[in-house]
PDB file of N, CA and C in Angstrom:
ATOM      1  N   UNK A   1     120.099 102.028  87.533  1.00  0.00           N
ATOM      2  CA  UNK A   1     118.766 101.582  88.684  1.00  0.00           C
ATOM      3  C   UNK A   1     118.833 102.374  88.557  1.00  0.00           C
ATOM      4  N   UNK A   2     116.938 102.641  89.940  1.00  0.00           N
ATOM      5  CA  UNK A   2     116.787 103.197  89.961  1.00  0.00           C
ATOM      6  C   UNK A   2     116.501 103.384  91.115  1.00  0.00           C
ATOM      7  N   UNK A   3     116.841 104.859  91.542  1.00  0.00           N
ATOM      8  CA  UNK A   3     117.825 105.521  93.101  1.00  0.00           C
ATOM      9  C   UNK A   3     117.175 106.343  94.075  1.00  0.00           C
ATOM     10  N   UNK A   4     116.013 106.632  95.024  1.00  0.00           N
ATOM     11  CA  UNK A   4     115.258 107.767  95.748  1.00  0.00           C
ATOM     12  C   UNK A   4     116.564 108.117  96.764  1.00  0.00           C
ATOM     13  N   UNK A   5     116.880 109.302  96.855  1.00  0.00           N
ATOM     14  CA  UNK A   5     118.070 109.697  98.063  1.00  0.00           C
ATOM     15  C   UNK A   5     117.383 110.737  98.546  1.00  0.00           C
ATOM     16  N   UNK A   6     116.733 111.014  99.891  1.00  0.00           N
ATOM     17  CA  UNK A   6     116.182 111.835 100.798  1.00  0.00           C
ATOM     18  C   UNK A   6     116.907 112.659 100.936  1.00  0.00           C
ATOM     19  N   UNK A   7     117.051 113.796 101.883  1.00  0.00           N
ATOM     20  CA  UNK A   7     117.539 114.869 102.569  1.00  0.00           C
ATOM     21  C   UNK A   7     116.821 115.711 102.652  1.00  0.00           C
ATOM     22  N   UNK A   8     117.629 116.286 104.462  1.00  0.00           N
ATOM     23  CA  UNK A   8     116.623 117.430 104.949  1.00  0.00           C
ATOM     24  C   UNK A   8     116.332 117.538 105.397  1.00  0.00           C
ATOM     25  N   UNK A   9     116.423 116.128 106.814  1.00  0.00           N
ATOM     26  CA  UNK A   9     115.734 115.948 108.172  1.00  0.00           C
ATOM     27  C   UNK A   9     117.068 116.696 108.677  1.00  0.00           C
ATOM     28  N   UNK A  10     116.371 116.452 110.656  1.00  0.00           N
ATOM     29  CA  UNK A  10     117.032 117.054 111.437  1.00  0.00           C
ATOM     30  C   UNK A  10     116.370 117.155 113.049  1.00  0.00           C
ATOM     31  N   UNK A  11     117.230 118.014 113.883  1.00  0.00           N
ATOM     32  CA  UNK A  11     117.039 117.910 115.372  1.00  0.00           C
ATOM     33  C   UNK A  11     115.797 119.455 114.586  1.00  0.00           C
ATOM     34  N   UNK A  12     114.497 119.793 115.189  1.00  0.00           N
ATOM     35  CA  UNK A  12     113.897 121.304 114.680  1.00  0.00           C
ATOM     36  C   UNK A  12     113.357 121.039 116.237  1.00  0.00           C
ATOM     37  N   UNK A  13     112.437 121.785 116.613  1.00  0.00           N
ATOM     38  CA  UNK A  13     111.666 123.072 118.100  1.00  0.00           C
ATOM     39  C   UNK A  13     110.320 122.031 117.915  1.00  0.00           C
ATOM     40  N   UNK A  14     109.825 122.224 118.572  1.00  0.00           N
ATOM     41  CA  UNK A  14     108.311 121.961 117.938  1.00  0.00           C
ATOM     42  C   UNK A  14     107.653 123.101 117.756  1.00  0.00           C
ATOM     43  N   UNK A  15     107.154 123.489 117.178  1.00  0.00           N
ATOM     44  CA  UNK A  15     106.628 124.802 116.199  1.00  0.00           C
ATOM     45  C   UNK A  15     107.156 124.964 114.877  1.00  0.00           C
ATOM     46  N   UNK A  16     108.629 123.930 114.226  1.00  0.00           N
ATOM     47  CA  UNK A  16     109.375 124.865 113.616  1.00  0.00           C
ATOM     48  C   UNK A  16     109.209 123.877 112.250  1.00  0.00           C
ATOM     49  N   UNK A  17     109.602 124.432 111.350  1.00  0.00           N
ATOM     50  CA  UNK A  17     109.581 123.547 110.043  1.00  0.00           C
ATOM     51  C   UNK A  17     111.502 123.011 109.647  1.00  0.00           C
ATOM     52  N   UNK A  18     111.106 122.010 108.712  1.00  0.00           N
ATOM     53  CA  UNK A  18     111.861 121.340 107.732  1.00  0.00           C
ATOM     54  C   UNK A  18     111.612 121.298 105.986  1.00  0.00           C
ATOM     55  N   UNK A  19     112.459 121.383 105.809  1.00  0.00           N
ATOM     56  CA  UNK A  19     111.709 120.760 104.398  1.00  0.00           C
ATOM     57  C   UNK A  19     112.943 119.042 104.322  1.00  0.00           C
ATOM     58  N   UNK A  20     112.059 118.248 103.867  1.00  0.00           N
ATOM     59  CA  UNK A  20     112.733 117.960 102.891  1.00  0.00           C
ATOM     60  C   UNK A  20     113.096 117.287 101.811  1.00  0.00           C
ATOM     61  N   UNK A  21     113.710 116.508 101.122  1.00  0.00           N
ATOM     62  CA  UNK A  21     113.697 116.279  99.208  1.00  0.00           C
ATOM     63  C   UNK A  21     113.693 115.169  99.250  1.00  0.00           C
ATOM     64  N   UNK A  22     113.274 114.763  98.134  1.00  0.00           N
ATOM     65  CA  UNK A  22     114.056 113.669  97.423  1.00  0.00           C
ATOM     66  C   UNK A  22     114.531 113.488  96.028  1.00  0.00           C
ATOM     67  N   UNK A  23     115.539 112.869  95.867  1.00  0.00           N
ATOM     68  CA  UNK A  23     116.165 113.514  94.860  1.00  0.00           C
ATOM     69  C   UNK A  23     115.917 111.985  93.875  1.00  0.00           C
ATOM     70  N   UNK A  24     115.818 111.212  92.349  1.00  0.00           N
ATOM     71  CA  UNK A  24     115.515 110.728  91.822  1.00  0.00           C
ATOM     72  C   UNK A  24     116.515 110.479  91.008  1.00  0.00           C
ATOM     73  N   UNK A  25     116.733 109.507  90.421  1.00  0.00           N
ATOM     74  CA  UNK A  25     117.691 109.006  89.270  1.00  0.00           C
ATOM     75  C   UNK A  25     117.425 107.865  88.537  1.00  0.00           C
ATOM     76  N   UNK A  26     117.756 107.011  87.634  1.00  0.00           N
ATOM     77  CA  UNK A  26     117.918 106.699  87.148  1.00  0.00           C
ATOM     78  C   UNK A  26     115.996 105.259  86.001  1.00  0.00           C
ATOM     79  N   UNK A  27     115.017 106.682  86.377  1.00  0.00           N
ATOM     80  CA  UNK A  27     113.711 106.892  85.126  1.00  0.00           C
ATOM     81  C   UNK A  27     113.381 107.901  85.156  1.00  0.00           C
ATOM     82  N   UNK A  28     112.564 107.889  84.337  1.00  0.00           N
ATOM     83  CA  UNK A  28     111.596 109.219  84.214  1.00  0.00           C
ATOM     84  C   UNK A  28     111.008 109.761  84.783  1.00  0.00           C
ATOM     85  N   UNK A  29     111.015 110.295  85.001  1.00  0.00           N
ATOM     86  CA  UNK A  29     110.209 111.101  86.587  1.00  0.00           C
ATOM     87  C   UNK A  29     109.161 111.221  86.320  1.00  0.00           C
ATOM     88  N   UNK A  30     108.839 112.023  85.483  1.00  0.00           N
ATOM     89  CA  UNK A  30     107.841 112.917  85.516  1.00  0.00           C
ATOM     90  C   UNK A  30     106.439 111.905  85.052  1.00  0.00           C
ATOM     91  N   UNK A  31     106.933 110.356  84.382  1.00  0.00           N
ATOM     92  CA  UNK A  31     106.466 109.916  84.160  1.00  0.00           C
ATOM     93  C   UNK A  31     104.855 109.133  85.289  1.00  0.00           C
ATOM     94  N   UNK A  32     106.001 109.491  86.730  1.00  0.00           N
ATOM     95  CA  UNK A  32     105.220 108.253  87.715  1.00  0.00           C
ATOM     96  C   UNK A  32     104.844 109.033  88.950  1.00  0.00           C
ATOM     97  N   UNK A  33     103.839 109.136  89.704  1.00  0.00           N
ATOM     98  CA  UNK A  33     103.081 109.158  91.464  1.00  0.00           C
ATOM     99  C   UNK A  33     104.123 108.791  91.909  1.00  0.00           C
ATOM    100  N   UNK A  34     105.023 109.888  92.929  1.00  0.00           N
ATOM    101  CA  UNK A  34     105.395 110.190  93.859  1.00  0.00           C
ATOM    102  C   UNK A  34     104.646 109.964  95.256  1.00  0.00           C
ATOM    103  N   UNK A  35     105.625 109.342  97.113  1.00  0.00           N
ATOM    104  CA  UNK A  35     104.667 109.506  98.019  1.00  0.00           C
ATOM    105  C   UNK A  35     106.003 109.823  98.785  1.00  0.00           C
ATOM    106  N   UNK A  36     105.971 110.231  99.696  1.00  0.00           N
ATOM    107  CA  UNK A  36     106.607 110.380 101.060  1.00  0.00           C
ATOM    108  C   UNK A  36     106.110 109.853 102.714  1.00  0.00           C
ATOM    109  N   UNK A  37     106.491 108.457 103.048  1.00  0.00           N
ATOM    110  CA  UNK A  37     105.920 107.264 104.049  1.00  0.00           C
ATOM    111  C   UNK A  37     106.983 108.488 105.452  1.00  0.00           C
ATOM    112  N   UNK A  38     106.325 107.900 106.511  1.00  0.00           N
ATOM    113  CA  UNK A  38     107.403 108.455 107.878  1.00  0.00           C
ATOM    114  C   UNK A  38     107.500 106.536 108.449  1.00  0.00           C
ATOM    115  N   UNK A  39     108.290 106.016 108.999  1.00  0.00           N
ATOM    116  CA  UNK A  39     107.828 105.671 110.469  1.00  0.00           C
ATOM    117  C   UNK A  39     108.489 106.011 111.709  1.00  0.00           C
ATOM    118  N   UNK A  40     107.529 105.779 112.457  1.00  0.00           N
ATOM    119  CA  UNK A  40     107.863 106.638 113.728  1.00  0.00           C
ATOM    120  C   UNK A  40     108.756 104.866 114.736  1.00  0.00           C
ATOM    121  N   UNK A  41     109.682 105.025 115.850  1.00  0.00           N
ATOM    122  CA  UNK A  41     109.666 104.055 117.285  1.00  0.00           C
ATOM    123  C   UNK A  41     108.777 103.714 116.805  1.00  0.00           C
ATOM    124  N   UNK A  42     109.672 101.920 117.128  1.00  0.00           N
ATOM    125  CA  UNK A  42     107.712 100.818 117.596  1.00  0.00           C
ATOM    126  C   UNK A  42     106.416 101.490 116.262  1.00  0.00           C
ATOM    127  N   UNK A  43     106.422 101.967 115.380  1.00  0.00           N
ATOM    128  CA  UNK A  43     105.200 101.774 114.724  1.00  0.00           C
ATOM    129  C   UNK A  43     105.359 101.262 113.684  1.00  0.00           C
ATOM    130  N   UNK A  44     104.465 101.132 113.274  1.00  0.00           N
ATOM    131  CA  UNK A  44     104.969 100.457 111.469  1.00  0.00           C
ATOM    132  C   UNK A  44     104.138 102.351 110.753  1.00  0.00           C
ATOM    133  N   UNK A  45     105.340 101.816 109.325  1.00  0.00           N
ATOM    134  CA  UNK A  45     105.291 102.489 108.550  1.00  0.00           C
ATOM    135  C   UNK A  45     103.619 103.432 108.030  1.00  0.00           C
ATOM    136  N   UNK A  46     103.887 104.778 107.613  1.00  0.00           N
ATOM    137  CA  UNK A  46     102.789 104.851 107.026  1.00  0.00           C
ATOM    138  C   UNK A  46     102.153 105.605 105.807  1.00  0.00           C
ATOM    139  N   UNK A  47     101.938 106.253 105.093  1.00  0.00           N
ATOM    140  CA  UNK A  47     101.086 107.028 104.136  1.00  0.00           C
ATOM    141  C   UNK A  47     101.440 108.953 105.065  1.00  0.00           C
ATOM    142  N   UNK A  48     102.638 110.008 104.515  1.00  0.00           N
ATOM    143  CA  UNK A  48     102.031 110.693 104.370  1.00  0.00           C
ATOM    144  C   UNK A  48     101.222 111.673 103.336  1.00  0.00           C
ATOM    145  N   UNK A  49     102.544 111.606 103.207  1.00  0.00           N
ATOM    146  CA  UNK A  49     101.689 112.813 101.419  1.00  0.00           C
ATOM    147  C   UNK A  49     101.518 111.598 100.294  1.00  0.00           C
ATOM    148  N   UNK A  50     100.550 111.637  99.199  1.00  0.00           N
ATOM    149  CA  UNK A  50     101.545 111.464  97.306  1.00  0.00           C
ATOM    150  C   UNK A  50     101.020 112.803  96.550  1.00  0.00           C
ATOM    151  N   UNK A  51     101.724 111.985  96.076  1.00  0.00           N
ATOM    152  CA  UNK A  51     101.796 113.375  94.056  1.00  0.00           C
ATOM    153  C   UNK A  51     101.445 112.631  93.571  1.00  0.00           C
ATOM    154  N   UNK A  52     100.367 113.496  92.347  1.00  0.00           N
ATOM    155  CA  UNK A  52     100.468 112.799  90.989  1.00  0.00           C
ATOM    156  C   UNK A  52     101.490 112.672  89.813  1.00  0.00           C
ATOM    157  N   UNK A  53     101.535 112.574  88.776  1.00  0.00           N
ATOM    158  CA  UNK A  53     102.822 112.159  88.460  1.00  0.00           C
ATOM    159  C   UNK A  53     103.129 113.882  87.120  1.00  0.00           C
ATOM    160  N   UNK A  54     101.857 114.822  87.248  1.00  0.00           N
ATOM    161  CA  UNK A  54     102.510 116.048  87.140  1.00  0.00           C
ATOM    162  C   UNK A  54     102.143 117.221  88.105  1.00  0.00           C
ATOM    163  N   UNK A  55     101.674 116.094  89.256  1.00  0.00           N
ATOM    164  CA  UNK A  55     101.613 117.404  90.562  1.00  0.00           C
ATOM    165  C   UNK A  55     100.650 117.551  90.416  1.00  0.00           C
ATOM    166  N   UNK A  56      99.949 117.587  89.693  1.00  0.00           N
ATOM    167  CA  UNK A  56      98.435 118.051  90.658  1.00  0.00           C
ATOM    168  C   UNK A  56      97.125 117.462  90.597  1.00  0.00           C
ATOM    169  N   UNK A  57      97.503 116.652  91.098  1.00  0.00           N
ATOM    170  CA  UNK A  57      96.328 116.030  92.536  1.00  0.00           C
ATOM    171  C   UNK A  57      97.975 115.331  93.801  1.00  0.00           C
ATOM    172  N   UNK A  58      97.537 116.162  94.735  1.00  0.00           N
ATOM    173  CA  UNK A  58      98.300 115.709  96.307  1.00  0.00           C
ATOM    174  C   UNK A  58      96.643 115.479  96.962  1.00  0.00           C
ATOM    175  N   UNK A  59      97.755 114.513  97.712  1.00  0.00           N
ATOM    176  CA  UNK A  59      96.635 113.425  98.677  1.00  0.00           C
ATOM    177  C   UNK A  59      97.638 113.279 100.368  1.00  0.00           C
ATOM    178  N   UNK A  60      96.905 113.788 101.753  1.00  0.00           N
ATOM    179  CA  UNK A  60      97.705 114.584 102.256  1.00  0.00           C
ATOM    180  C   UNK A  60      96.905 112.932 103.531  1.00  0.00           C
ATOM    181  N   UNK A  61      98.094 113.011 104.444  1.00  0.00           N
ATOM    182  CA  UNK A  61      97.067 111.564 105.872  1.00  0.00           C
ATOM    183  C   UNK A  61      96.698 112.800 106.888  1.00  0.00           C
ATOM    184  N   UNK A  62      95.440 112.337 107.567  1.00  0.00           N
ATOM    185  CA  UNK A  62      95.188 113.589 108.552  1.00  0.00           C
ATOM    186  C   UNK A  62      95.776 113.999 109.208  1.00  0.00           C
ATOM    187  N   UNK A  63      96.598 113.281 109.566  1.00  0.00           N
ATOM    188  CA  UNK A  63      97.591 113.900 110.269  1.00  0.00           C
ATOM    189  C   UNK A  63      98.288 115.679 110.415  1.00  0.00           C
ATOM    190  N   UNK A  64      98.267 115.445 109.329  1.00  0.00           N
ATOM    191  CA  UNK A  64     100.011 116.188 108.677  1.00  0.00           C
ATOM    192  C   UNK A  64      99.035 117.421 107.332  1.00  0.00           C
ATOM    193  N   UNK A  65      97.113 117.276 107.550  1.00  0.00           N
ATOM    194  CA  UNK A  65      96.627 117.977 106.420  1.00  0.00           C
ATOM    195  C   UNK A  65      96.816 119.447 107.374  1.00  0.00           C
ATOM    196  N   UNK A  66      97.225 120.519 106.349  1.00  0.00           N
ATOM    197  CA  UNK A  66      97.033 121.389 106.793  1.00  0.00           C
ATOM    198  C   UNK A  66      98.610 122.560 106.757  1.00  0.00           C
ATOM    199  N   UNK A  67      99.362 121.498 107.569  1.00  0.00           N
ATOM    200  CA  UNK A  67     100.711 121.733 107.735  1.00  0.00           C
ATOM    201  C   UNK A  67     101.766 121.459 106.888  1.00  0.00           C
ATOM    202  N   UNK A  68     101.605 120.321 106.130  1.00  0.00           N
ATOM    203  CA  UNK A  68     102.732 119.628 105.682  1.00  0.00           C
ATOM    204  C   UNK A  68     102.419 120.186 103.953  1.00  0.00           C
ATOM    205  N   UNK A  69     103.390 120.244 103.155  1.00  0.00           N
ATOM    206  CA  UNK A  69     102.419 120.142 101.470  1.00  0.00           C
ATOM    207  C   UNK A  69     103.571 119.121 100.802  1.00  0.00           C
ATOM    208  N   UNK A  70     103.096 118.669  99.528  1.00  0.00           N
ATOM    209  CA  UNK A  70     103.878 117.757  98.882  1.00  0.00           C
ATOM    210  C   UNK A  70     104.547 118.825  97.644  1.00  0.00           C
ATOM    211  N   UNK A  71     105.439 118.652  97.338  1.00  0.00           N
ATOM    212  CA  UNK A  71     105.562 119.711  95.829  1.00  0.00           C
ATOM    213  C   UNK A  71     106.365 118.420  94.948  1.00  0.00           C
ATOM    214  N   UNK A  72     106.969 119.058  93.935  1.00  0.00           N
ATOM    215  CA  UNK A  72     107.721 118.425  92.993  1.00  0.00           C
ATOM    216  C   UNK A  72     107.911 118.911  91.753  1.00  0.00           C
ATOM    217  N   UNK A  73     109.620 119.121  91.205  1.00  0.00           N
ATOM    218  CA  UNK A  73     109.986 119.823  90.812  1.00  0.00           C
ATOM    219  C   UNK A  73     110.715 118.476  89.892  1.00  0.00           C
ATOM    220  N   UNK A  74     109.616 118.456  88.503  1.00  0.00           N
ATOM    221  CA  UNK A  74     110.348 117.296  87.314  1.00  0.00           C
ATOM    222  C   UNK A  74     111.127 117.905  85.956  1.00  0.00           C
ATOM    223  N   UNK A  75     112.008 118.668  86.905  1.00  0.00           N
ATOM    224  CA  UNK A  75     112.680 119.017  85.427  1.00  0.00           C
ATOM    225  C   UNK A  75     114.002 119.277  87.017  1.00  0.00           C
ATOM    226  N   UNK A  76     113.545 119.083  87.536  1.00  0.00           N
ATOM    227  CA  UNK A  76     115.069 118.578  88.870  1.00  0.00           C
ATOM    228  C   UNK A  76     115.278 117.369  88.885  1.00  0.00           C
ATOM    229  N   UNK A  77     114.279 116.662  87.977  1.00  0.00           N
ATOM    230  CA  UNK A  77     113.770 115.145  89.338  1.00  0.00           C
ATOM    231  C   UNK A  77     114.108 114.554  90.460  1.00  0.00           C
ATOM    232  N   UNK A  78     113.127 115.807  91.279  1.00  0.00           N
ATOM    233  CA  UNK A  78     113.322 116.149  92.382  1.00  0.00           C
ATOM    234  C   UNK A  78     111.753 116.270  92.987  1.00  0.00           C
ATOM    235  N   UNK A  79     111.849 115.317  94.304  1.00  0.00           N
ATOM    236  CA  UNK A  79     110.499 115.615  95.371  1.00  0.00           C
ATOM    237  C   UNK A  79     110.472 116.182  96.402  1.00  0.00           C
ATOM    238  N   UNK A  80     109.588 117.210  97.119  1.00  0.00           N
ATOM    239  CA  UNK A  80     109.825 117.876  98.123  1.00  0.00           C
ATOM    240  C   UNK A  80     109.025 117.781  99.706  1.00  0.00           C
ATOM    241  N   UNK A  81     109.017 117.541  99.904  1.00  0.00           N
ATOM    242  CA  UNK A  81     107.595 117.653 101.403  1.00  0.00           C
ATOM    243  C   UNK A  81     108.857 118.734 102.176  1.00  0.00           C
ATOM    244  N   UNK A  82     107.698 119.904 102.063  1.00  0.00           N
ATOM    245  CA  UNK A  82     107.477 121.224 103.614  1.00  0.00           C
ATOM    246  C   UNK A  82     106.406 120.623 104.271  1.00  0.00           C
ATOM    247  N   UNK A  83     107.204 120.793 105.989  1.00  0.00           N
ATOM    248  CA  UNK A  83     106.644 120.605 106.658  1.00  0.00           C
ATOM    249  C   UNK A  83     107.024 121.670 108.238  1.00  0.00           C
ATOM    250  N   UNK A  84     105.828 121.833 108.246  1.00  0.00           N
ATOM    251  CA  UNK A  84     105.131 123.010 109.089  1.00  0.00           C
ATOM    252  C   UNK A  84     105.144 122.637 110.373  1.00  0.00           C
ATOM    253  N   UNK A  85     104.719 123.861 111.788  1.00  0.00           N
ATOM    254  CA  UNK A  85     104.392 123.590 112.746  1.00  0.00           C
ATOM    255  C   UNK A  85     104.473 121.881 113.348  1.00  0.00           C
ATOM    256  N   UNK A  86     105.891 121.535 112.846  1.00  0.00           N
ATOM    257  CA  UNK A  86     106.214 120.490 113.400  1.00  0.00           C
ATOM    258  C   UNK A  86     105.850 119.807 115.306  1.00  0.00           C
ATOM    259  N   UNK A  87     105.237 118.489 115.199  1.00  0.00           N
ATOM    260  CA  UNK A  87     105.387 118.268 116.305  1.00  0.00           C
ATOM    261  C   UNK A  87     106.145 117.296 116.626  1.00  0.00           C
ATOM    262  N   UNK A  88     106.247 116.860 118.532  1.00  0.00           N
ATOM    263  CA  UNK A  88     107.027 115.689 118.970  1.00  0.00           C
ATOM    264  C   UNK A  88     106.369 114.473 118.227  1.00  0.00           C
ATOM    265  N   UNK A  89     104.980 113.991 117.285  1.00  0.00           N
ATOM    266  CA  UNK A  89     104.463 113.197 116.679  1.00  0.00           C
ATOM    267  C   UNK A  89     105.274 112.881 115.488  1.00  0.00           C
ATOM    268  N   UNK A  90     105.514 113.471 115.016  1.00  0.00           N
ATOM    269  CA  UNK A  90     106.128 114.402 114.117  1.00  0.00           C
ATOM    270  C   UNK A  90     106.862 113.411 113.156  1.00  0.00           C
ATOM    271  N   UNK A  91     107.882 113.139 114.116  1.00  0.00           N
ATOM    272  CA  UNK A  91     109.722 112.357 114.980  1.00  0.00           C
ATOM    273  C   UNK A  91     109.303 111.034 113.605  1.00  0.00           C
ATOM    274  N   UNK A  92     110.365 110.762 113.124  1.00  0.00           N
ATOM    275  CA  UNK A  92     110.257 110.357 112.207  1.00  0.00           C
ATOM    276  C   UNK A  92     111.522 109.656 111.229  1.00  0.00           C
ATOM    277  N   UNK A  93     111.371 108.372 110.852  1.00  0.00           N
ATOM    278  CA  UNK A  93     112.388 108.529 109.511  1.00  0.00           C
ATOM    279  C   UNK A  93     111.751 108.939 108.199  1.00  0.00           C
ATOM    280  N   UNK A  94     111.916 109.325 107.869  1.00  0.00           N
ATOM    281  CA  UNK A  94     110.813 109.789 106.727  1.00  0.00           C
ATOM    282  C   UNK A  94     111.493 109.191 104.852  1.00  0.00           C
ATOM    283  N   UNK A  95     111.064 108.080 104.445  1.00  0.00           N
ATOM    284  CA  UNK A  95     111.155 107.807 102.853  1.00  0.00           C
ATOM    285  C   UNK A  95     109.897 108.588 101.716  1.00  0.00           C
ATOM    286  N   UNK A  96     110.974 108.459 100.528  1.00  0.00           N
ATOM    287  CA  UNK A  96     110.182 108.648  99.619  1.00  0.00           C
ATOM    288  C   UNK A  96     109.696 106.744  98.603  1.00  0.00           C
ATOM    289  N   UNK A  97     109.012 107.248  97.758  1.00  0.00           N
ATOM    290  CA  UNK A  97     108.679 106.107  97.511  1.00  0.00           C
ATOM    291  C   UNK A  97     108.431 105.729  95.775  1.00  0.00           C
ATOM    292  N   UNK A  98     108.448 105.200  95.064  1.00  0.00           N
ATOM    293  CA  UNK A  98     107.809 105.085  93.549  1.00  0.00           C
ATOM    294  C   UNK A  98     107.716 103.429  93.421  1.00  0.00           C
ATOM    295  N   UNK A  99     106.567 103.475  93.524  1.00  0.00           N
ATOM    296  CA  UNK A  99     106.184 101.923  93.555  1.00  0.00           C
ATOM    297  C   UNK A  99     106.943 101.094  94.718  1.00  0.00           C
ATOM    298  N   UNK A 100     107.709 100.462  94.153  1.00  0.00           N
ATOM    299  CA  UNK A 100     108.076  98.845  95.112  1.00  0.00           C
ATOM    300  C   UNK A 100     109.476  99.096  95.173  1.00  0.00           C
ATOM    301  N   UNK A 101     110.194 100.736  94.709  1.00  0.00           N
ATOM    302  CA  UNK A 101     111.799 101.266  95.157  1.00  0.00           C
ATOM    303  C   UNK A 101     111.302 102.062  96.688  1.00  0.00           C
ATOM    304  N   UNK A 102     111.975 102.376  97.704  1.00  0.00           N
ATOM    305  CA  UNK A 102     111.870 103.177  99.222  1.00  0.00           C
ATOM    306  C   UNK A 102     113.572 103.730  98.768  1.00  0.00           C
ATOM    307  N   UNK A 103     113.593 104.952  99.289  1.00  0.00           N
ATOM    308  CA  UNK A 103     114.831 105.325  99.264  1.00  0.00           C
ATOM    309  C   UNK A 103     115.796 104.983 100.964  1.00  0.00           C
ATOM    310  N   UNK A 104     116.288 105.690 101.584  1.00  0.00           N
ATOM    311  CA  UNK A 104     117.190 105.325 102.319  1.00  0.00           C
ATOM    312  C   UNK A 104     116.385 105.230 103.923  1.00  0.00           C
ATOM    313  N   UNK A 105     115.561 107.045 103.558  1.00  0.00           N
ATOM    314  CA  UNK A 105     115.209 107.861 104.525  1.00  0.00           C
ATOM    315  C   UNK A 105     116.075 108.807 104.635  1.00  0.00           C
ATOM    316  N   UNK A 106     115.593 109.645 105.908  1.00  0.00           N
ATOM    317  CA  UNK A 106     116.341 110.647 106.569  1.00  0.00           C
ATOM    318  C   UNK A 106     115.345 110.821 108.145  1.00  0.00           C
ATOM    319  N   UNK A 107     116.282 111.147 108.758  1.00  0.00           N
ATOM    320  CA  UNK A 107     115.100 110.774 110.058  1.00  0.00           C
ATOM    321  C   UNK A 107     114.744 112.397 110.118  1.00  0.00           C
ATOM    322  N   UNK A 108     114.181 112.633 111.259  1.00  0.00           N
ATOM    323  CA  UNK A 108     112.895 113.910 111.302  1.00  0.00           C
ATOM    324  C   UNK A 108     112.983 113.732 113.567  1.00  0.00           C
ATOM    325  N   UNK A 109     113.746 114.616 113.703  1.00  0.00           N
ATOM    326  CA  UNK A 109     113.630 114.673 115.207  1.00  0.00           C
ATOM    327  C   UNK A 109     113.054 115.753 115.637  1.00  0.00           C
ATOM    328  N   UNK A 110     111.742 115.530 116.510  1.00  0.00           N
ATOM    329  CA  UNK A 110     110.679 117.532 117.107  1.00  0.00           C
ATOM    330  C   UNK A 110     111.100 117.020 118.367  1.00  0.00           C
ATOM    331  N   UNK A 111     111.784 118.028 118.939  1.00  0.00           N
ATOM    332  CA  UNK A 111     112.265 117.684 120.835  1.00  0.00           C
ATOM    333  C   UNK A 111     112.620 119.560 120.436  1.00  0.00           C
ATOM    334  N   UNK A 112     112.352 119.543 121.580  1.00  0.00           N
ATOM    335  CA  UNK A 112     112.403 120.783 122.838  1.00  0.00           C
ATOM    336  C   UNK A 112     114.083 120.375 123.352  1.00  0.00           C
TER     337      UNK A 112
END
């Protein structure tokens, strides 16, 4: 079955960096666009970034442009989200998504 497993979350100080990973299995990873979403406490889930199946096209929410980079390694069936210059407002549970399938999420907390 299709499975998405996120990792890499944690506690980081403002201005710090984290790299999230999403390990995919159960489907031909290189055939599908993938996305990262996040949900902050008390807020709706929102799109953070997306990437085409071969990684040639990317899209970012305005709030993360210039700070976050989405990428993928199709040989490893893994998608990444490099997050730099993190801000307290980036605190959220981050999810990877393939069409209707979601991972379980990984918590990112930005706090001093």
